[in-house]
Amino acid sequence: MWINSLFQALKDIRRGDFNTLSPVFWQPCLPYSEGGIFSGFTKLCKGLAVILIGGHIVVQLLPSSVTYLALIPARTIPFGWNLITAGYIEQSVHGVVVSTLGLLFMGKLLEPVWGSKEFLKFIFVINFLTSVCVFITAIALYYITRQENYLYMPLSGFHGVLAGFLVGIKQIVPDQELSLLKIKVKWLPSLMLLLSIVISFFTPESATYLPTLIFGTYMGWIYLRYVQRKPEAKLRGDPSEDFAFSTFFPDFLRPIIDPIASIFHRMLCGKSEASTDAQGYTLGGAPLPGSDPIEATRRRERGARALEERLAAERLGAAQNSEDSQKEGVDNV
C-alpha cells in the first residue's frame, strides 16, 4: 500500500497536482494527521514550486539545456549564471518530487516565522554559496585525482537549500518531536548527512549530491548563525549555545568539536569562543540587545507558537469541513 501511494505521489507531482496526493504516504511522517495538511502553502512557495517543476520539464523536453542551466565546472566560465540556475534544475523525477514537497512543507513552517523577504533571501544566498563551494570542490577533486568526470559532470538540484531549511527548523523548533521517528527535530540535519554519507559508499554517483548536501547544511548554519538579521533585537545571527556548531554532533564529541569550531569562529568574528562567553557580543563595550540566551529562547518560543497556531488553524479548518460534509449528507438524505 505504501509503495502504491509513493508511485501515485510521483505521478501527482509530475502533473503538478498537489491536492490529490495520497495521505497514506505522508501522514505517518507528520506530527498530526488531521485533514488540511495539503493546504496553507504560501504563494511564494507555490511560485517556487512551479519554477522547480518548470525547470524539470524544460530539461526533459530540451536535454541540451542542461549544458547551460546545470553546474558543469569546466563550463562555469563563461557560463557563470549556472551558479544560480543549477539549484532550481532537477534532472530526475524523484528529485523534483522531493524538492517540491520539501519546499512546500518546510516553507509552510519557515516563511511565516522569517517573513517572505527573508525566506527568499535565504534561498538565494544558500543556493549561490552552495554552488560556489561545489564548484571549488569539483575543481579541487580534479587536480587531486586527475579524473575529468569531476569537470564535466552536470550538477544541479534544490537539495542544498532543503538541507539549509532543515537547519532553520532545527533553530526554530529544536525540541519538537517527530511522532513516527521518535526523535527531536534538532537532529534532522545531522541524521540526513549521516544517512547521505552512508549511502555514498554504495552509490557510484555520490559526487552529484553529497557535496551539495554538506555545503547546503553548513552554509545554512553559517547564514543563520552569523548573517541573518534580527530586526526586533538589532542583532545579526544567533549566538546562543543551543545553536553552536557542536550541537550537530552527539554530546560525547562536543569537547572535540568545540576547539575546532572556535577556529572558524575567530575567522568569522575576529574573536575566540572564550572572549565571546566572557564578554558577550558587544558594540562599543555595551552588550547588543538579544545577544543573550534569553533572546534565543524567545526566538524558539515564537517559532513554536507559529507552528502551534498553524496546526490549530488547520485542525479547525478540517473540523469545519467535516461538519459541512455531514450537513450536506443529512440534507441529501
C-alpha atoms as a PDB file:
ATOM      1  CA  MET A   1       0.000   0.000   0.000  1.00  0.00           C
ATOM      2  CA  TRP A   2       2.791   2.413   0.894  1.00  0.00           C
ATOM      3  CA  ILE A   3       4.634   1.640  -2.366  1.00  0.00           C
ATOM      4  CA  ASN A   4       1.476   2.245  -4.401  1.00  0.00           C
ATOM      5  CA  SER A   5       0.992   5.566  -2.602  1.00  0.00           C
ATOM      6  CA  LEU A   6       4.578   6.527  -3.398  1.00  0.00           C
ATOM      7  CA  PHE A   7       4.115   5.893  -7.113  1.00  0.00           C
ATOM      8  CA  GLN A   8       0.823   7.784  -7.051  1.00  0.00           C
ATOM      9  CA  ALA A   9       2.603  10.720  -5.381  1.00  0.00           C
ATOM     10  CA  LEU A  10       5.231  10.710  -8.127  1.00  0.00           C
ATOM     11  CA  LYS A  11       2.514  10.848 -10.778  1.00  0.00           C
ATOM     12  CA  ASP A  12       0.625  13.618  -8.990  1.00  0.00           C
ATOM     13  CA  ILE A  13       3.717  15.817  -8.613  1.00  0.00           C
ATOM     14  CA  ARG A  14       4.712  15.285 -12.224  1.00  0.00           C
ATOM     15  CA  ARG A  15       1.244  16.567 -13.207  1.00  0.00           C
ATOM     16  CA  GLY A  16       1.625  19.450 -10.738  1.00  0.00           C
ATOM     17  CA  ASP A  17      -1.414  18.182  -8.797  1.00  0.00           C
ATOM     18  CA  PHE A  18      -0.749  18.514  -5.040  1.00  0.00           C
ATOM     19  CA  ASN A  19      -4.363  18.202  -3.868  1.00  0.00           C
ATOM     20  CA  THR A  20      -4.755  14.530  -4.827  1.00  0.00           C
ATOM     21  CA  LEU A  21      -1.619  13.260  -3.097  1.00  0.00           C
ATOM     22  CA  SER A  22      -2.364  10.150  -1.088  1.00  0.00           C
ATOM     23  CA  PRO A  23      -2.414  10.911   2.670  1.00  0.00           C
ATOM     24  CA  VAL A  24      -1.236   7.336   3.334  1.00  0.00           C
ATOM     25  CA  PHE A  25       2.175   8.360   2.051  1.00  0.00           C
ATOM     26  CA  TRP A  26       2.551  11.411   4.281  1.00  0.00           C
ATOM     27  CA  GLN A  27       0.523  11.033   7.448  1.00  0.00           C
ATOM     28  CA  PRO A  28       2.975   8.692   9.278  1.00  0.00           C
ATOM     29  CA  CYS A  29       5.766  11.260   8.874  1.00  0.00           C
ATOM     30  CA  LEU A  30       3.898  14.221  10.346  1.00  0.00           C
ATOM     31  CA  PRO A  31       3.167  15.188  13.960  1.00  0.00           C
ATOM     32  CA  TYR A  32      -0.524  15.442  13.093  1.00  0.00           C
ATOM     33  CA  SER A  33      -2.737  13.541  10.704  1.00  0.00           C
ATOM     34  CA  GLU A  34      -5.923  15.610  10.524  1.00  0.00           C
ATOM     35  CA  GLY A  35      -7.146  16.963   7.220  1.00  0.00           C
ATOM     36  CA  GLY A  36      -5.733  20.138   5.771  1.00  0.00           C
ATOM     37  CA  ILE A  37      -2.077  19.126   5.670  1.00  0.00           C
ATOM     38  CA  PHE A  38      -2.016  19.829   1.941  1.00  0.00           C
ATOM     39  CA  SER A  39      -3.470  23.305   2.389  1.00  0.00           C
ATOM     40  CA  GLY A  40      -1.985  26.540   3.667  1.00  0.00           C
ATOM     41  CA  PHE A  41       1.034  26.594   1.350  1.00  0.00           C
ATOM     42  CA  THR A  42       2.263  30.152   0.839  1.00  0.00           C
ATOM     43  CA  LYS A  43       2.064  31.902  -2.520  1.00  0.00           C
ATOM     44  CA  LEU A  44       5.843  32.289  -2.603  1.00  0.00           C
ATOM     45  CA  CYS A  45       6.395  28.569  -2.056  1.00  0.00           C
ATOM     46  CA  LYS A  46       3.829  27.707  -4.711  1.00  0.00           C
ATOM     47  CA  GLY A  47       5.576  30.039  -7.144  1.00  0.00           C
ATOM     48  CA  LEU A  48       8.962  28.480  -6.406  1.00  0.00           C
ATOM     49  CA  ALA A  49       7.428  25.012  -6.772  1.00  0.00           C
ATOM     50  CA  VAL A  50       6.221  25.993 -10.247  1.00  0.00           C
ATOM     51  CA  ILE A  51       9.783  27.077 -11.091  1.00  0.00           C
ATOM     52  CA  LEU A  52      11.182  23.716  -9.941  1.00  0.00           C
ATOM     53  CA  ILE A  53       8.594  21.742 -11.912  1.00  0.00           C
ATOM     54  CA  GLY A  54       9.028  24.028 -14.921  1.00  0.00           C
ATOM     55  CA  GLY A  55      12.812  23.608 -14.813  1.00  0.00           C
ATOM     56  CA  HIS A  56      12.404  19.833 -14.757  1.00  0.00           C
ATOM     57  CA  ILE A  57      10.048  19.939 -17.744  1.00  0.00           C
ATOM     58  CA  VAL A  58      12.485  22.143 -19.691  1.00  0.00           C
ATOM     59  CA  VAL A  59      15.433  19.753 -19.264  1.00  0.00           C
ATOM     60  CA  GLN A  60      13.211  16.800 -20.186  1.00  0.00           C
ATOM     61  CA  LEU A  61      11.959  18.447 -23.375  1.00  0.00           C
ATOM     62  CA  LEU A  62      15.303  20.062 -24.226  1.00  0.00           C
ATOM     63  CA  PRO A  63      18.112  17.851 -22.870  1.00  0.00           C
ATOM     64  CA  SER A  64      20.739  20.168 -24.351  1.00  0.00           C
ATOM     65  CA  SER A  65      19.601  22.907 -21.944  1.00  0.00           C
ATOM     66  CA  VAL A  66      21.361  21.043 -19.117  1.00  0.00           C
ATOM     67  CA  THR A  67      24.632  22.317 -20.562  1.00  0.00           C
ATOM     68  CA  TYR A  68      23.563  25.912 -19.938  1.00  0.00           C
ATOM     69  CA  LEU A  69      21.488  25.573 -16.766  1.00  0.00           C
ATOM     70  CA  ALA A  70      23.237  22.909 -14.666  1.00  0.00           C
ATOM     71  CA  LEU A  71      26.577  23.444 -12.935  1.00  0.00           C
ATOM     72  CA  ILE A  72      29.299  21.955 -15.165  1.00  0.00           C
ATOM     73  CA  PRO A  73      32.574  23.103 -13.557  1.00  0.00           C
ATOM     74  CA  ALA A  74      34.554  23.094 -16.824  1.00  0.00           C
ATOM     75  CA  ARG A  75      31.961  25.394 -18.400  1.00  0.00           C
ATOM     76  CA  THR A  76      31.113  27.646 -15.489  1.00  0.00           C
ATOM     77  CA  ILE A  77      33.418  30.133 -17.148  1.00  0.00           C
ATOM     78  CA  PRO A  78      31.915  31.745 -19.228  1.00  0.00           C
ATOM     79  CA  PHE A  79      28.523  30.279 -18.192  1.00  0.00           C
ATOM     80  CA  GLY A  80      28.729  31.844 -14.742  1.00  0.00           C
ATOM     81  CA  TRP A  81      24.959  32.090 -14.382  1.00  0.00           C
ATOM     82  CA  ASN A  82      24.787  28.335 -13.766  1.00  0.00           C
ATOM     83  CA  LEU A  83      25.982  29.030 -10.219  1.00  0.00           C
ATOM     84  CA  ILE A  84      22.470  30.415  -9.714  1.00  0.00           C
ATOM     85  CA  THR A  85      20.310  28.393 -12.103  1.00  0.00           C
ATOM     86  CA  ALA A  86      21.707  24.965 -11.139  1.00  0.00           C
ATOM     87  CA  GLY A  87      19.903  24.973  -7.805  1.00  0.00           C
ATOM     88  CA  TYR A  88      16.499  25.241  -9.474  1.00  0.00           C
ATOM     89  CA  ILE A  89      17.015  22.488 -12.038  1.00  0.00           C
ATOM     90  CA  GLU A  90      16.004  18.934 -11.123  1.00  0.00           C
ATOM     91  CA  GLN A  91      17.093  16.365 -13.678  1.00  0.00           C
ATOM     92  CA  SER A  92      15.162  13.388 -12.259  1.00  0.00           C
ATOM     93  CA  VAL A  93      11.521  12.739 -11.392  1.00  0.00           C
ATOM     94  CA  HIS A  94      12.268  11.717  -7.804  1.00  0.00           C
ATOM     95  CA  GLY A  95      14.425  14.820  -7.430  1.00  0.00           C
ATOM     96  CA  VAL A  96      11.631  17.194  -8.416  1.00  0.00           C
ATOM     97  CA  VAL A  97       9.156  15.292  -6.194  1.00  0.00           C
ATOM     98  CA  VAL A  98      11.355  15.527  -3.093  1.00  0.00           C
ATOM     99  CA  SER A  99      12.376  19.116  -3.750  1.00  0.00           C
ATOM    100  CA  THR A 100       8.846  20.347  -4.437  1.00  0.00           C
ATOM    101  CA  LEU A 101       7.307  18.667  -1.410  1.00  0.00           C
ATOM    102  CA  GLY A 102      10.229  19.677   0.803  1.00  0.00           C
ATOM    103  CA  LEU A 103       9.892  23.298  -0.322  1.00  0.00           C
ATOM    104  CA  LEU A 104       6.129  23.383   0.247  1.00  0.00           C
ATOM    105  CA  PHE A 105       6.087  21.730   3.657  1.00  0.00           C
ATOM    106  CA  MET A 106       9.217  23.283   5.147  1.00  0.00           C
ATOM    107  CA  GLY A 107       8.398  26.665   3.642  1.00  0.00           C
ATOM    108  CA  LYS A 108       4.976  26.392   5.273  1.00  0.00           C
ATOM    109  CA  LEU A 109       6.755  26.477   8.633  1.00  0.00           C
ATOM    110  CA  LEU A 110       9.710  28.776   7.935  1.00  0.00           C
ATOM    111  CA  GLU A 111       8.226  31.576   5.838  1.00  0.00           C
ATOM    112  CA  PRO A 112       5.673  32.762   8.455  1.00  0.00           C
ATOM    113  CA  VAL A 113       8.465  32.953  11.043  1.00  0.00           C
ATOM    114  CA  TRP A 114      11.119  34.611   8.874  1.00  0.00           C
ATOM    115  CA  GLY A 115       8.896  36.629   6.563  1.00  0.00           C
ATOM    116  CA  SER A 116       8.668  36.274   2.778  1.00  0.00           C
ATOM    117  CA  LYS A 117      11.567  38.620   2.028  1.00  0.00           C
ATOM    118  CA  GLU A 118      13.980  36.897   4.400  1.00  0.00           C
ATOM    119  CA  PHE A 119      12.791  33.470   3.259  1.00  0.00           C
ATOM    120  CA  LEU A 120      13.506  34.304  -0.384  1.00  0.00           C
ATOM    121  CA  LYS A 121      16.840  35.871   0.551  1.00  0.00           C
ATOM    122  CA  PHE A 122      17.822  32.713   2.437  1.00  0.00           C
ATOM    123  CA  ILE A 123      17.038  30.559  -0.601  1.00  0.00           C
ATOM    124  CA  PHE A 124      19.035  32.767  -2.977  1.00  0.00           C
ATOM    125  CA  VAL A 125      22.079  33.122  -0.706  1.00  0.00           C
ATOM    126  CA  ILE A 126      22.282  29.448   0.290  1.00  0.00           C
ATOM    127  CA  ASN A 127      21.767  28.278  -3.286  1.00  0.00           C
ATOM    128  CA  PHE A 128      24.505  30.562  -4.611  1.00  0.00           C
ATOM    129  CA  LEU A 129      27.049  29.874  -1.849  1.00  0.00           C
ATOM    130  CA  THR A 130      26.439  26.134  -2.081  1.00  0.00           C
ATOM    131  CA  SER A 131      27.018  26.208  -5.843  1.00  0.00           C
ATOM    132  CA  VAL A 132      30.250  28.159  -5.384  1.00  0.00           C
ATOM    133  CA  CYS A 133      31.516  25.652  -2.806  1.00  0.00           C
ATOM    134  CA  VAL A 134      30.551  22.692  -5.011  1.00  0.00           C
ATOM    135  CA  PHE A 135      32.336  24.314  -7.965  1.00  0.00           C
ATOM    136  CA  ILE A 136      35.531  24.816  -5.941  1.00  0.00           C
ATOM    137  CA  THR A 137      35.312  21.249  -4.610  1.00  0.00           C
ATOM    138  CA  ALA A 138      34.917  19.805  -8.112  1.00  0.00           C
ATOM    139  CA  ILE A 139      37.958  21.725  -9.364  1.00  0.00           C
ATOM    140  CA  ALA A 140      39.997  20.589  -6.350  1.00  0.00           C
ATOM    141  CA  LEU A 141      38.965  16.939  -6.849  1.00  0.00           C
ATOM    142  CA  TYR A 142      40.031  17.143 -10.483  1.00  0.00           C
ATOM    143  CA  TYR A 143      43.505  18.417  -9.598  1.00  0.00           C
ATOM    144  CA  ILE A 144      43.845  15.766  -6.887  1.00  0.00           C
ATOM    145  CA  THR A 145      42.592  12.775  -8.900  1.00  0.00           C
ATOM    146  CA  ARG A 146      43.043  13.992 -12.493  1.00  0.00           C
ATOM    147  CA  GLN A 147      39.644  12.497 -13.314  1.00  0.00           C
ATOM    148  CA  GLU A 148      37.861  14.641 -15.878  1.00  0.00           C
ATOM    149  CA  ASN A 149      34.405  13.449 -14.852  1.00  0.00           C
ATOM    150  CA  TYR A 150      34.589  15.950 -11.976  1.00  0.00           C
ATOM    151  CA  LEU A 151      34.843  18.745 -14.542  1.00  0.00           C
ATOM    152  CA  TYR A 152      32.070  17.638 -16.882  1.00  0.00           C
ATOM    153  CA  MET A 153      29.530  16.106 -14.508  1.00  0.00           C
ATOM    154  CA  PRO A 154      26.287  18.172 -14.634  1.00  0.00           C
ATOM    155  CA  LEU A 155      25.418  19.103 -11.052  1.00  0.00           C
ATOM    156  CA  SER A 156      22.050  20.540 -10.133  1.00  0.00           C
ATOM    157  CA  GLY A 157      19.189  20.290  -7.663  1.00  0.00           C
ATOM    158  CA  PHE A 158      17.393  22.096  -4.870  1.00  0.00           C
ATOM    159  CA  HIS A 159      18.582  19.689  -2.163  1.00  0.00           C
ATOM    160  CA  GLY A 160      21.264  22.079  -0.911  1.00  0.00           C
ATOM    161  CA  VAL A 161      18.582  24.623   0.004  1.00  0.00           C
ATOM    162  CA  LEU A 162      16.445  21.867   1.549  1.00  0.00           C
ATOM    163  CA  ALA A 163      19.407  20.954   3.760  1.00  0.00           C
ATOM    164  CA  GLY A 164      19.574  24.618   4.802  1.00  0.00           C
ATOM    165  CA  PHE A 165      15.842  24.518   5.582  1.00  0.00           C
ATOM    166  CA  LEU A 166      16.446  21.628   7.980  1.00  0.00           C
ATOM    167  CA  VAL A 167      18.980  23.791   9.819  1.00  0.00           C
ATOM    168  CA  GLY A 168      16.400  26.571  10.017  1.00  0.00           C
ATOM    169  CA  ILE A 169      13.827  24.202  11.503  1.00  0.00           C
ATOM    170  CA  LYS A 170      16.459  22.973  13.961  1.00  0.00           C
ATOM    171  CA  GLN A 171      16.919  26.578  15.075  1.00  0.00           C
ATOM    172  CA  ILE A 172      13.210  27.406  15.405  1.00  0.00           C
ATOM    173  CA  VAL A 173      11.689  24.271  16.960  1.00  0.00           C
ATOM    174  CA  PRO A 174      14.632  22.128  18.114  1.00  0.00           C
ATOM    175  CA  ASP A 175      12.655  20.182  20.713  1.00  0.00           C
ATOM    176  CA  GLN A 176       9.664  19.331  18.508  1.00  0.00           C
ATOM    177  CA  GLU A 177       9.431  15.533  18.309  1.00  0.00           C
ATOM    178  CA  LEU A 178       8.567  13.610  15.144  1.00  0.00           C
ATOM    179  CA  SER A 179       5.833  11.135  16.019  1.00  0.00           C
ATOM    180  CA  LEU A 180       6.981   8.387  13.652  1.00  0.00           C
ATOM    181  CA  LEU A 181      10.750   8.501  14.191  1.00  0.00           C
ATOM    182  CA  LYS A 182      10.575   9.419  17.888  1.00  0.00           C
ATOM    183  CA  ILE A 183      13.441  11.871  17.501  1.00  0.00           C
ATOM    184  CA  LYS A 184      13.708  15.602  18.030  1.00  0.00           C
ATOM    185  CA  VAL A 185      13.809  17.970  15.088  1.00  0.00           C
ATOM    186  CA  LYS A 186      17.239  19.278  16.098  1.00  0.00           C
ATOM    187  CA  TRP A 187      18.803  16.012  14.933  1.00  0.00           C
ATOM    188  CA  LEU A 188      17.306  16.048  11.416  1.00  0.00           C
ATOM    189  CA  PRO A 189      20.249  17.824   9.671  1.00  0.00           C
ATOM    190  CA  SER A 190      22.765  15.504  11.336  1.00  0.00           C
ATOM    191  CA  LEU A 191      20.801  12.350  10.524  1.00  0.00           C
ATOM    192  CA  MET A 192      20.281  13.484   6.936  1.00  0.00           C
ATOM    193  CA  LEU A 193      24.023  13.988   6.449  1.00  0.00           C
ATOM    194  CA  LEU A 194      24.898  10.723   8.190  1.00  0.00           C
ATOM    195  CA  LEU A 195      22.461   8.773   6.015  1.00  0.00           C
ATOM    196  CA  SER A 196      23.740  10.505   2.868  1.00  0.00           C
ATOM    197  CA  ILE A 197      27.360   9.692   3.718  1.00  0.00           C
ATOM    198  CA  VAL A 198      26.495   6.040   4.379  1.00  0.00           C
ATOM    199  CA  ILE A 199      24.587   5.784   1.089  1.00  0.00           C
ATOM    200  CA  SER A 200      27.509   7.387  -0.764  1.00  0.00           C
ATOM    201  CA  PHE A 201      29.628   4.288  -0.093  1.00  0.00           C
ATOM    202  CA  PHE A 202      27.178   2.186  -2.101  1.00  0.00           C
ATOM    203  CA  THR A 203      26.351   4.555  -4.971  1.00  0.00           C
ATOM    204  CA  PRO A 204      28.749   5.462  -7.780  1.00  0.00           C
ATOM    205  CA  GLU A 205      27.321   8.960  -8.294  1.00  0.00           C
ATOM    206  CA  SER A 206      27.594  10.313  -4.756  1.00  0.00           C
ATOM    207  CA  ALA A 207      29.520  13.335  -6.082  1.00  0.00           C
ATOM    208  CA  THR A 208      26.297  14.606  -7.656  1.00  0.00           C
ATOM    209  CA  TYR A 209      24.523  15.102  -4.325  1.00  0.00           C
ATOM    210  CA  LEU A 210      26.782  14.650  -1.275  1.00  0.00           C
ATOM    211  CA  PRO A 211      28.851  17.873  -1.567  1.00  0.00           C
ATOM    212  CA  THR A 212      25.644  19.852  -2.199  1.00  0.00           C
ATOM    213  CA  LEU A 213      24.006  18.460   0.954  1.00  0.00           C
ATOM    214  CA  ILE A 214      27.097  19.060   3.090  1.00  0.00           C
ATOM    215  CA  PHE A 215      27.654  22.626   1.888  1.00  0.00           C
ATOM    216  CA  GLY A 216      23.924  23.407   1.963  1.00  0.00           C
ATOM    217  CA  THR A 217      23.813  22.389   5.624  1.00  0.00           C
ATOM    218  CA  TYR A 218      26.977  24.271   6.539  1.00  0.00           C
ATOM    219  CA  MET A 219      26.101  27.422   4.579  1.00  0.00           C
ATOM    220  CA  GLY A 220      22.633  27.374   6.132  1.00  0.00           C
ATOM    221  CA  TRP A 221      24.169  27.257   9.603  1.00  0.00           C
ATOM    222  CA  ILE A 222      26.719  29.983   8.771  1.00  0.00           C
ATOM    223  CA  TYR A 223      23.973  32.263   7.477  1.00  0.00           C
ATOM    224  CA  LEU A 224      21.652  31.728  10.446  1.00  0.00           C
ATOM    225  CA  ARG A 225      24.477  31.834  12.981  1.00  0.00           C
ATOM    226  CA  TYR A 226      26.295  34.952  11.774  1.00  0.00           C
ATOM    227  CA  VAL A 227      24.423  36.767   8.984  1.00  0.00           C
ATOM    228  CA  GLN A 228      20.628  36.695   9.305  1.00  0.00           C
ATOM    229  CA  ARG A 229      19.263  39.996  10.574  1.00  0.00           C
ATOM    230  CA  LYS A 230      17.063  40.109  13.662  1.00  0.00           C
ATOM    231  CA  PRO A 231      15.283  43.487  13.402  1.00  0.00           C
ATOM    232  CA  GLU A 232      13.491  43.047  16.715  1.00  0.00           C
ATOM    233  CA  ALA A 233      16.817  42.538  18.512  1.00  0.00           C
ATOM    234  CA  LYS A 234      19.072  44.699  16.281  1.00  0.00           C
ATOM    235  CA  LEU A 235      21.355  41.710  16.032  1.00  0.00           C
ATOM    236  CA  ARG A 236      22.827  39.597  13.280  1.00  0.00           C
ATOM    237  CA  GLY A 237      22.736  35.853  13.646  1.00  0.00           C
ATOM    238  CA  ASP A 238      22.062  33.568  16.581  1.00  0.00           C
ATOM    239  CA  PRO A 239      24.917  33.470  19.149  1.00  0.00           C
ATOM    240  CA  SER A 240      23.132  31.092  21.543  1.00  0.00           C
ATOM    241  CA  GLU A 241      24.922  27.978  22.748  1.00  0.00           C
ATOM    242  CA  ASP A 242      21.936  25.885  21.695  1.00  0.00           C
ATOM    243  CA  PHE A 243      22.767  26.688  18.062  1.00  0.00           C
ATOM    244  CA  ALA A 244      26.531  26.202  18.234  1.00  0.00           C
ATOM    245  CA  PHE A 245      28.192  24.067  15.566  1.00  0.00           C
ATOM    246  CA  SER A 246      28.866  21.309  18.085  1.00  0.00           C
ATOM    247  CA  THR A 247      25.098  20.796  18.574  1.00  0.00           C
ATOM    248  CA  PHE A 248      25.093  18.910  15.270  1.00  0.00           C
ATOM    249  CA  PHE A 249      27.133  16.189  16.976  1.00  0.00           C
ATOM    250  CA  PRO A 250      26.472  13.821  19.907  1.00  0.00           C
ATOM    251  CA  ASP A 251      27.354  15.107  23.368  1.00  0.00           C
ATOM    252  CA  PHE A 252      30.459  12.957  23.743  1.00  0.00           C
ATOM    253  CA  LEU A 253      32.007  14.523  20.616  1.00  0.00           C
ATOM    254  CA  ARG A 254      31.388  18.149  21.561  1.00  0.00           C
ATOM    255  CA  PRO A 255      34.575  18.610  23.628  1.00  0.00           C
ATOM    256  CA  ILE A 256      36.481  17.660  20.472  1.00  0.00           C
ATOM    257  CA  ILE A 257      34.371  19.711  18.068  1.00  0.00           C
ATOM    258  CA  ASP A 258      34.258  22.954  20.080  1.00  0.00           C
ATOM    259  CA  PRO A 259      38.004  23.793  19.824  1.00  0.00           C
ATOM    260  CA  ILE A 260      37.910  23.152  16.071  1.00  0.00           C
ATOM    261  CA  ALA A 261      34.757  25.237  15.654  1.00  0.00           C
ATOM    262  CA  SER A 262      36.332  28.097  17.622  1.00  0.00           C
ATOM    263  CA  ILE A 263      38.987  28.449  14.903  1.00  0.00           C
ATOM    264  CA  PHE A 264      36.321  29.170  12.296  1.00  0.00           C
ATOM    265  CA  HIS A 265      34.522  31.392  14.779  1.00  0.00           C
ATOM    266  CA  ARG A 266      37.650  33.555  15.100  1.00  0.00           C
ATOM    267  CA  MET A 267      37.870  33.733  11.313  1.00  0.00           C
ATOM    268  CA  LEU A 268      34.260  34.902  11.035  1.00  0.00           C
ATOM    269  CA  CYS A 269      34.029  37.123  14.104  1.00  0.00           C
ATOM    270  CA  GLY A 270      37.595  38.045  14.931  1.00  0.00           C
ATOM    271  CA  LYS A 271      37.268  36.768  18.479  1.00  0.00           C
ATOM    272  CA  SER A 272      37.547  33.451  20.247  1.00  0.00           C
ATOM    273  CA  GLU A 273      34.772  31.487  21.869  1.00  0.00           C
ATOM    274  CA  ALA A 274      36.325  32.305  25.246  1.00  0.00           C
ATOM    275  CA  SER A 275      36.086  36.049  24.775  1.00  0.00           C
ATOM    276  CA  THR A 276      32.550  35.700  23.459  1.00  0.00           C
ATOM    277  CA  ASP A 277      31.465  33.733  26.515  1.00  0.00           C
ATOM    278  CA  ALA A 278      33.175  36.171  28.871  1.00  0.00           C
ATOM    279  CA  GLN A 279      32.056  39.466  27.314  1.00  0.00           C
ATOM    280  CA  GLY A 280      29.105  38.614  25.113  1.00  0.00           C
ATOM    281  CA  TYR A 281      28.510  40.182  21.715  1.00  0.00           C
ATOM    282  CA  THR A 282      29.372  43.832  22.276  1.00  0.00           C
ATOM    283  CA  LEU A 283      29.296  47.091  20.414  1.00  0.00           C
ATOM    284  CA  GLY A 284      31.444  49.808  21.937  1.00  0.00           C
ATOM    285  CA  GLY A 285      31.634  47.868  25.199  1.00  0.00           C
ATOM    286  CA  ALA A 286      27.831  47.569  25.573  1.00  0.00           C
ATOM    287  CA  PRO A 287      26.091  44.250  25.078  1.00  0.00           C
ATOM    288  CA  LEU A 288      23.952  44.068  21.989  1.00  0.00           C
ATOM    289  CA  PRO A 289      20.233  43.601  22.678  1.00  0.00           C
ATOM    290  CA  GLY A 290      19.174  39.999  22.270  1.00  0.00           C
ATOM    291  CA  SER A 291      22.686  38.529  22.333  1.00  0.00           C
ATOM    292  CA  ASP A 292      21.972  36.531  25.476  1.00  0.00           C
ATOM    293  CA  PRO A 293      20.313  33.125  25.783  1.00  0.00           C
ATOM    294  CA  ILE A 294      17.015  34.789  26.755  1.00  0.00           C
ATOM    295  CA  GLU A 295      16.629  36.214  23.242  1.00  0.00           C
ATOM    296  CA  ALA A 296      17.404  32.820  21.705  1.00  0.00           C
ATOM    297  CA  THR A 297      14.757  31.262  23.934  1.00  0.00           C
ATOM    298  CA  ARG A 298      12.256  33.892  22.825  1.00  0.00           C
ATOM    299  CA  ARG A 299      13.027  33.139  19.187  1.00  0.00           C
ATOM    300  CA  ARG A 300      12.380  29.439  19.724  1.00  0.00           C
ATOM    301  CA  GLU A 301       9.169  30.227  21.577  1.00  0.00           C
ATOM    302  CA  ARG A 302       7.991  32.407  18.695  1.00  0.00           C
ATOM    303  CA  GLY A 303       8.760  29.598  16.267  1.00  0.00           C
ATOM    304  CA  ALA A 304       6.928  27.077  18.422  1.00  0.00           C
ATOM    305  CA  ARG A 305       3.920  29.403  18.734  1.00  0.00           C
ATOM    306  CA  ALA A 306       3.833  29.926  14.969  1.00  0.00           C
ATOM    307  CA  LEU A 307       3.876  26.160  14.447  1.00  0.00           C
ATOM    308  CA  GLU A 308       1.156  25.560  17.036  1.00  0.00           C
ATOM    309  CA  GLU A 309      -1.056  28.327  15.612  1.00  0.00           C
ATOM    310  CA  ARG A 310      -0.723  26.897  12.112  1.00  0.00           C
ATOM    311  CA  LEU A 311      -1.538  23.377  13.294  1.00  0.00           C
ATOM    312  CA  ALA A 312      -4.524  24.652  15.294  1.00  0.00           C
ATOM    313  CA  ALA A 313      -5.833  26.591  12.296  1.00  0.00           C
ATOM    314  CA  GLU A 314      -5.529  23.522  10.081  1.00  0.00           C
ATOM    315  CA  ARG A 315      -7.284  21.319  12.640  1.00  0.00           C
ATOM    316  CA  LEU A 316     -10.095  23.873  12.930  1.00  0.00           C
ATOM    317  CA  GLY A 317     -10.440  24.032   9.167  1.00  0.00           C
ATOM    318  CA  ALA A 318     -10.540  20.245   8.957  1.00  0.00           C
ATOM    319  CA  ALA A 319     -13.247  20.094  11.640  1.00  0.00           C
ATOM    320  CA  GLN A 320     -15.345  22.705   9.843  1.00  0.00           C
ATOM    321  CA  ASN A 321     -15.005  20.840   6.556  1.00  0.00           C
ATOM    322  CA  SER A 322     -16.097  17.638   8.284  1.00  0.00           C
ATOM    323  CA  GLU A 323     -19.150  19.359   9.784  1.00  0.00           C
ATOM    324  CA  ASP A 324     -20.083  20.835   6.404  1.00  0.00           C
ATOM    325  CA  SER A 325     -19.805  17.417   4.786  1.00  0.00           C
ATOM    326  CA  GLN A 326     -22.041  15.877   7.447  1.00  0.00           C
ATOM    327  CA  LYS A 327     -24.632  18.624   6.997  1.00  0.00           C
ATOM    328  CA  GLU A 328     -24.621  18.108   3.252  1.00  0.00           C
ATOM    329  CA  GLY A 329     -25.087  14.366   3.790  1.00  0.00           C
ATOM    330  CA  VAL A 330     -28.067  14.973   6.093  1.00  0.00           C
ATOM    331  CA  ASP A 331     -29.617  17.425   3.625  1.00  0.00           C
ATOM    332  CA  ASN A 332     -29.214  14.927   0.793  1.00  0.00           C
ATOM    333  CA  VAL A 333     -30.909  12.239   2.868  1.00  0.00           C
END
